[in-house]
C-alpha atoms as a PDB file:
ATOM      1  CA  ILE A   1      -0.554  -1.211   7.614  1.00  0.00           C
ATOM      2  CA  GLU A   2      -0.786  -0.312  11.277  1.00  0.00           C
ATOM      3  CA  THR A   3       1.846   2.450  11.175  1.00  0.00           C
ATOM      4  CA  TYR A   4       0.257   4.340   8.286  1.00  0.00           C
ATOM      5  CA  LYS A   5      -3.372   3.357   9.002  1.00  0.00           C
ATOM      6  CA  VAL A   6      -3.733   1.767   5.554  1.00  0.00           C
ATOM      7  CA  LYS A   7      -7.420   1.354   4.722  1.00  0.00           C
ATOM      8  CA  GLY A   8      -7.120  -0.600   1.468  1.00  0.00           C
ATOM      9  CA  ILE A   9      -4.854  -2.014  -1.222  1.00  0.00           C
ATOM     10  CA  ARG A  10      -5.110  -0.700  -4.787  1.00  0.00           C
ATOM     11  CA  LEU A  11      -4.403  -3.040  -7.687  1.00  0.00           C
ATOM     12  CA  VAL A  12      -3.979  -1.561 -11.161  1.00  0.00           C
ATOM     13  CA  PRO A  13      -3.745  -4.494 -13.587  1.00  0.00           C
ATOM     14  CA  THR A  14      -3.384  -2.324 -16.705  1.00  0.00           C
ATOM     15  CA  TYR A  15      -0.465  -0.388 -15.250  1.00  0.00           C
ATOM     16  CA  HIS A  16       1.327  -3.084 -13.280  1.00  0.00           C
ATOM     17  CA  GLN A  17       0.799  -5.818 -15.921  1.00  0.00           C
ATOM     18  CA  PHE A  18       0.460  -8.689 -13.448  1.00  0.00           C
ATOM     19  CA  ASP A  19      -0.949 -12.188 -13.643  1.00  0.00           C
ATOM     20  CA  TRP A  20      -3.961 -12.635 -11.340  1.00  0.00           C
ATOM     21  CA  SER A  21      -2.732 -16.091 -10.364  1.00  0.00           C
ATOM     22  CA  GLY A  22       0.900 -15.033  -9.801  1.00  0.00           C
ATOM     23  CA  LYS A  23       2.447 -15.663  -6.389  1.00  0.00           C
ATOM     24  CA  GLN A  24       3.072 -11.956  -5.714  1.00  0.00           C
ATOM     25  CA  VAL A  25      -0.583 -11.126  -6.341  1.00  0.00           C
ATOM     26  CA  GLN A  26      -1.679 -14.077  -4.223  1.00  0.00           C
ATOM     27  CA  ALA A  27       0.533 -12.738  -1.413  1.00  0.00           C
ATOM     28  CA  VAL A  28      -1.290  -9.397  -1.642  1.00  0.00           C
ATOM     29  CA  PHE A  29      -4.627 -11.224  -1.437  1.00  0.00           C
ATOM     30  CA  ASP A  30      -3.398 -13.098   1.646  1.00  0.00           C
ATOM     31  CA  VAL A  31      -2.468  -9.833   3.379  1.00  0.00           C
ATOM     32  CA  ALA A  32      -5.851  -8.289   2.518  1.00  0.00           C
ATOM     33  CA  GLU A  33      -7.639 -11.312   3.924  1.00  0.00           C
ATOM     34  CA  LYS A  34      -5.484 -11.556   7.056  1.00  0.00           C
ATOM     35  CA  LYS A  35      -5.836  -7.832   7.827  1.00  0.00           C
ATOM     36  CA  GLN A  36      -9.443  -7.667   6.546  1.00  0.00           C
ATOM     37  CA  ILE A  37      -8.828  -4.599   4.394  1.00  0.00           C
ATOM     38  CA  PRO A  38     -10.549  -3.900   1.060  1.00  0.00           C
ATOM     39  CA  LEU A  39      -9.023  -4.338  -2.356  1.00  0.00           C
ATOM     40  CA  PHE A  40      -9.451  -1.472  -4.816  1.00  0.00           C
ATOM     41  CA  ILE A  41      -9.211  -2.843  -8.349  1.00  0.00           C
ATOM     42  CA  THR A  42      -8.774  -0.066 -10.895  1.00  0.00           C
ATOM     43  CA  ALA A  43     -10.053  -0.986 -14.360  1.00  0.00           C
ATOM     44  CA  ARG A  44      -8.244   1.846 -16.152  1.00  0.00           C
ATOM     45  CA  MET A  45      -5.760   4.625 -15.564  1.00  0.00           C
ATOM     46  CA  GLU A  46      -6.395   6.496 -18.780  1.00  0.00           C
ATOM     47  CA  ASP A  47      -6.355  10.242 -18.814  1.00  0.00           C
ATOM     48  CA  HIS A  48      -8.185  11.501 -21.899  1.00  0.00           C
ATOM     49  CA  ARG A  49      -6.157  14.697 -21.791  1.00  0.00           C
ATOM     50  CA  LEU A  50      -3.117  12.619 -22.780  1.00  0.00           C
ATOM     51  CA  ASP A  51      -4.631  10.395 -25.479  1.00  0.00           C
ATOM     52  CA  TYR A  52      -2.349  11.899 -28.076  1.00  0.00           C
ATOM     53  CA  LEU A  53       0.673  10.448 -26.218  1.00  0.00           C
ATOM     54  CA  LEU A  54      -0.542   7.014 -25.191  1.00  0.00           C
ATOM     55  CA  ILE A  55      -3.902   5.320 -25.261  1.00  0.00           C
ATOM     56  CA  GLN A  56      -4.117   2.759 -22.463  1.00  0.00           C
ATOM     57  CA  GLN A  57      -6.368  -0.229 -22.718  1.00  0.00           C
ATOM     58  CA  PRO A  58      -8.733  -0.988 -19.828  1.00  0.00           C
ATOM     59  CA  SER A  59      -8.414  -4.250 -17.945  1.00  0.00           C
ATOM     60  CA  PRO A  60     -10.287  -6.983 -19.863  1.00  0.00           C
ATOM     61  CA  THR A  61     -13.539  -7.785 -18.090  1.00  0.00           C
ATOM     62  CA  THR A  62     -13.083 -11.513 -18.720  1.00  0.00           C
ATOM     63  CA  ALA A  63      -9.872 -11.571 -16.650  1.00  0.00           C
ATOM     64  CA  LEU A  64     -11.430  -9.371 -13.982  1.00  0.00           C
ATOM     65  CA  SER A  65     -14.570 -11.517 -13.888  1.00  0.00           C
ATOM     66  CA  GLY A  66     -12.512 -14.645 -13.279  1.00  0.00           C
ATOM     67  CA  ALA A  67     -10.407 -12.909 -10.653  1.00  0.00           C
ATOM     68  CA  LEU A  68     -13.495 -11.792  -8.724  1.00  0.00           C
ATOM     69  CA  TYR A  69     -14.498 -15.416  -8.208  1.00  0.00           C
ATOM     70  CA  ASP A  70     -11.067 -16.233  -6.764  1.00  0.00           C
ATOM     71  CA  LEU A  71     -10.497 -13.230  -4.509  1.00  0.00           C
ATOM     72  CA  PRO A  72     -10.534 -13.675  -0.735  1.00  0.00           C
ATOM     73  CA  ASP A  73     -13.568 -12.772   1.318  1.00  0.00           C
ATOM     74  CA  VAL A  74     -12.720  -9.082   1.714  1.00  0.00           C
ATOM     75  CA  PRO A  75     -14.501  -6.026   0.342  1.00  0.00           C
ATOM     76  CA  VAL A  76     -13.651  -5.279  -3.289  1.00  0.00           C
ATOM     77  CA  ILE A  77     -14.212  -1.884  -4.862  1.00  0.00           C
ATOM     78  CA  LEU A  78     -13.995  -1.754  -8.642  1.00  0.00           C
ATOM     79  CA  THR A  79     -12.820   1.729  -9.575  1.00  0.00           C
ATOM     80  CA  ASN A  80     -12.768   3.574 -12.904  1.00  0.00           C
ATOM     81  CA  ILE A  81     -15.150   1.020 -14.373  1.00  0.00           C
ATOM     82  CA  SER A  82     -17.539   1.924 -17.174  1.00  0.00           C
ATOM     83  CA  ALA A  83     -21.259   1.252 -17.095  1.00  0.00           C
ATOM     84  CA  GLY A  84     -20.862  -1.157 -20.020  1.00  0.00           C
ATOM     85  CA  GLU A  85     -18.208  -3.146 -18.180  1.00  0.00           C
ATOM     86  CA  LEU A  86     -20.488  -3.322 -15.163  1.00  0.00           C
ATOM     87  CA  GLY A  87     -22.932  -5.358 -17.228  1.00  0.00           C
ATOM     88  CA  ASN A  88     -20.205  -7.901 -17.971  1.00  0.00           C
ATOM     89  CA  LEU A  89     -19.240  -8.100 -14.290  1.00  0.00           C
ATOM     90  CA  SER A  90     -22.671  -8.101 -12.652  1.00  0.00           C
ATOM     91  CA  ASP A  91     -22.776 -11.873 -12.054  1.00  0.00           C
ATOM     92  CA  PRO A  92     -19.466 -12.128 -10.155  1.00  0.00           C
ATOM     93  CA  ILE A  93     -20.259  -8.884  -8.299  1.00  0.00           C
ATOM     94  CA  LEU A  94     -23.610 -10.240  -7.129  1.00  0.00           C
ATOM     95  CA  ARG A  95     -22.118 -13.620  -6.143  1.00  0.00           C
ATOM     96  CA  ARG A  96     -19.648 -12.012  -3.756  1.00  0.00           C
ATOM     97  CA  ASN A  97     -20.313 -10.314  -0.453  1.00  0.00           C
ATOM     98  CA  ASP A  98     -19.109  -6.718  -0.172  1.00  0.00           C
ATOM     99  CA  THR A  99     -18.231  -6.058  -3.819  1.00  0.00           C
ATOM    100  CA  PHE A 100     -18.904  -2.585  -5.159  1.00  0.00           C
ATOM    101  CA  ALA A 101     -18.538  -0.545  -8.336  1.00  0.00           C
ATOM    102  CA  GLU A 102     -17.399   3.065  -8.122  1.00  0.00           C
ATOM    103  CA  ILE A 103     -19.250   5.298 -10.610  1.00  0.00           C
ATOM    104  CA  SER A 104     -16.768   7.978 -11.714  1.00  0.00           C
ATOM    105  CA  PHE A 105     -16.307   6.586 -15.248  1.00  0.00           C
ATOM    106  CA  PHE A 106     -19.991   6.180 -16.059  1.00  0.00           C
ATOM    107  CA  THR A 107     -20.715   8.219 -19.174  1.00  0.00           C
ATOM    108  CA  ASN A 108     -24.247   9.417 -19.852  1.00  0.00           C
ATOM    109  CA  PRO A 109     -25.110   9.466 -16.145  1.00  0.00           C
ATOM    110  CA  ALA A 110     -28.790  10.144 -16.792  1.00  0.00           C
ATOM    111  CA  THR A 111     -29.282   6.499 -17.769  1.00  0.00           C
ATOM    112  CA  ALA A 112     -26.069   4.792 -16.623  1.00  0.00           C
ATOM    113  CA  PHE A 113     -26.723   5.292 -12.894  1.00  0.00           C
ATOM    114  CA  GLU A 114     -30.326   4.124 -13.139  1.00  0.00           C
ATOM    115  CA  ASN A 115     -29.318   1.069 -15.193  1.00  0.00           C
ATOM    116  CA  ALA A 116     -26.539   0.247 -12.714  1.00  0.00           C
ATOM    117  CA  VAL A 117     -29.010   0.377  -9.814  1.00  0.00           C
ATOM    118  CA  LYS A 118     -31.338  -1.984 -11.707  1.00  0.00           C
ATOM    119  CA  LEU A 119     -28.419  -4.287 -12.514  1.00  0.00           C
ATOM    120  CA  ILE A 120     -26.656  -4.615  -9.141  1.00  0.00           C
ATOM    121  CA  GLY A 121     -28.558  -2.351  -6.721  1.00  0.00           C
ATOM    122  CA  SER A 122     -27.669   0.925  -5.017  1.00  0.00           C
ATOM    123  CA  GLU A 123     -26.193  -1.044  -2.109  1.00  0.00           C
ATOM    124  CA  ARG A 124     -23.324  -2.085  -4.422  1.00  0.00           C
ATOM    125  CA  LEU A 125     -22.484   1.302  -5.955  1.00  0.00           C
ATOM    126  CA  MET A 126     -20.143   3.941  -4.547  1.00  0.00           C
ATOM    127  CA  PHE A 127     -19.626   7.593  -5.335  1.00  0.00           C
ATOM    128  CA  GLY A 128     -16.361   8.500  -6.986  1.00  0.00           C
ATOM    129  CA  SER A 129     -15.184  11.474  -9.002  1.00  0.00           C
ATOM    130  CA  ALA A 130     -11.821  10.424 -10.520  1.00  0.00           C
ATOM    131  CA  PHE A 131     -10.650  13.877  -9.484  1.00  0.00           C
ATOM    132  CA  ASN A 132      -8.162  15.285 -10.694  1.00  0.00           C
ATOM    133  CA  ARG A 133      -8.577  13.656 -14.092  1.00  0.00           C
ATOM    134  CA  LEU A 134     -12.298  14.360 -14.241  1.00  0.00           C
ATOM    135  CA  ALA A 135     -14.262  17.341 -12.899  1.00  0.00           C
ATOM    136  CA  LEU A 136     -15.359  16.952  -9.273  1.00  0.00           C
ATOM    137  CA  GLY A 137     -18.233  19.424  -9.763  1.00  0.00           C
ATOM    138  CA  THR A 138     -19.632  17.359 -12.619  1.00  0.00           C
ATOM    139  CA  ALA A 139     -19.539  14.176 -10.556  1.00  0.00           C
ATOM    140  CA  VAL A 140     -21.392  15.884  -7.702  1.00  0.00           C
ATOM    141  CA  ALA A 141     -23.972  17.413 -10.063  1.00  0.00           C
ATOM    142  CA  ASN A 142     -24.540  14.033 -11.723  1.00  0.00           C
ATOM    143  CA  MET A 143     -25.349  12.524  -8.337  1.00  0.00           C
ATOM    144  CA  LYS A 144     -27.607  15.387  -7.294  1.00  0.00           C
ATOM    145  CA  TYR A 145     -29.766  15.286 -10.391  1.00  0.00           C
ATOM    146  CA  ILE A 146     -30.045  11.599 -11.269  1.00  0.00           C
ATOM    147  CA  ASN A 147     -33.461  10.014 -11.092  1.00  0.00           C
ATOM    148  CA  LEU A 148     -32.977   7.844  -7.989  1.00  0.00           C
ATOM    149  CA  THR A 149     -34.669   7.832  -4.608  1.00  0.00           C
ATOM    150  CA  GLU A 150     -33.011   9.686  -1.747  1.00  0.00           C
ATOM    151  CA  GLU A 151     -32.327   6.322  -0.085  1.00  0.00           C
ATOM    152  CA  GLN A 152     -30.549   5.035  -3.219  1.00  0.00           C
ATOM    153  CA  LYS A 153     -28.507   8.231  -3.438  1.00  0.00           C
ATOM    154  CA  GLU A 154     -27.536   7.930   0.239  1.00  0.00           C
ATOM    155  CA  ASP A 155     -26.298   4.381  -0.394  1.00  0.00           C
ATOM    156  CA  ILE A 156     -24.100   5.620  -3.246  1.00  0.00           C
ATOM    157  CA  TRP A 157     -22.972   8.848  -1.548  1.00  0.00           C
ATOM    158  CA  TYR A 158     -21.859   7.348   1.751  1.00  0.00           C
ATOM    159  CA  ASN A 159     -23.750   4.381   3.266  1.00  0.00           C
ATOM    160  CA  ASN A 160     -21.792   1.751   1.350  1.00  0.00           C
ATOM    161  CA  ALA A 161     -18.404   3.332   2.094  1.00  0.00           C
ATOM    162  CA  ALA A 162     -19.370   3.763   5.746  1.00  0.00           C
ATOM    163  CA  ARG A 163     -20.114   0.024   5.984  1.00  0.00           C
ATOM    164  CA  ILE A 164     -16.802  -0.987   4.401  1.00  0.00           C
ATOM    165  CA  PHE A 165     -14.697   1.315   6.547  1.00  0.00           C
ATOM    166  CA  ASP A 166     -16.672   0.695   9.762  1.00  0.00           C
ATOM    167  CA  LEU A 167     -17.818   4.299  10.029  1.00  0.00           C
ATOM    168  CA  ILE A 168     -21.333   3.451  11.245  1.00  0.00           C
END
């Protein structure tokens, strides 16, 4: 962690097929807590360009919801999560300190971003593009033109990430 300046640990339950309560996963949680580094939990790894080869299933929100209650007191960033899944996870997100949802997999951004802000607040959302699987330009345009205040956009663009990574 020190040698390579690691800034977070990514967990991909759908790819790694682990048990949230397994001792290896608990060891990862212990390291995150001891070193006070965020956990990135990736809900899906699907690449729609490859659906004809293999269709991956996203991580079930029930398992993720339960896991959020048990995670150590470190920042958690839920990545590649859909707006619909966010609704199922809003309670455990709001009960934890420093838990965020990254917005790259929100479809229909015109309403999804606004609904997400109403559901968990702009101070719990983070910009993401899922580049190189999704178009970076589209993600940026979605952020520029959504119907949010400049303050809410600033939270999503960078304020929340700056707080997690001690950049302010």
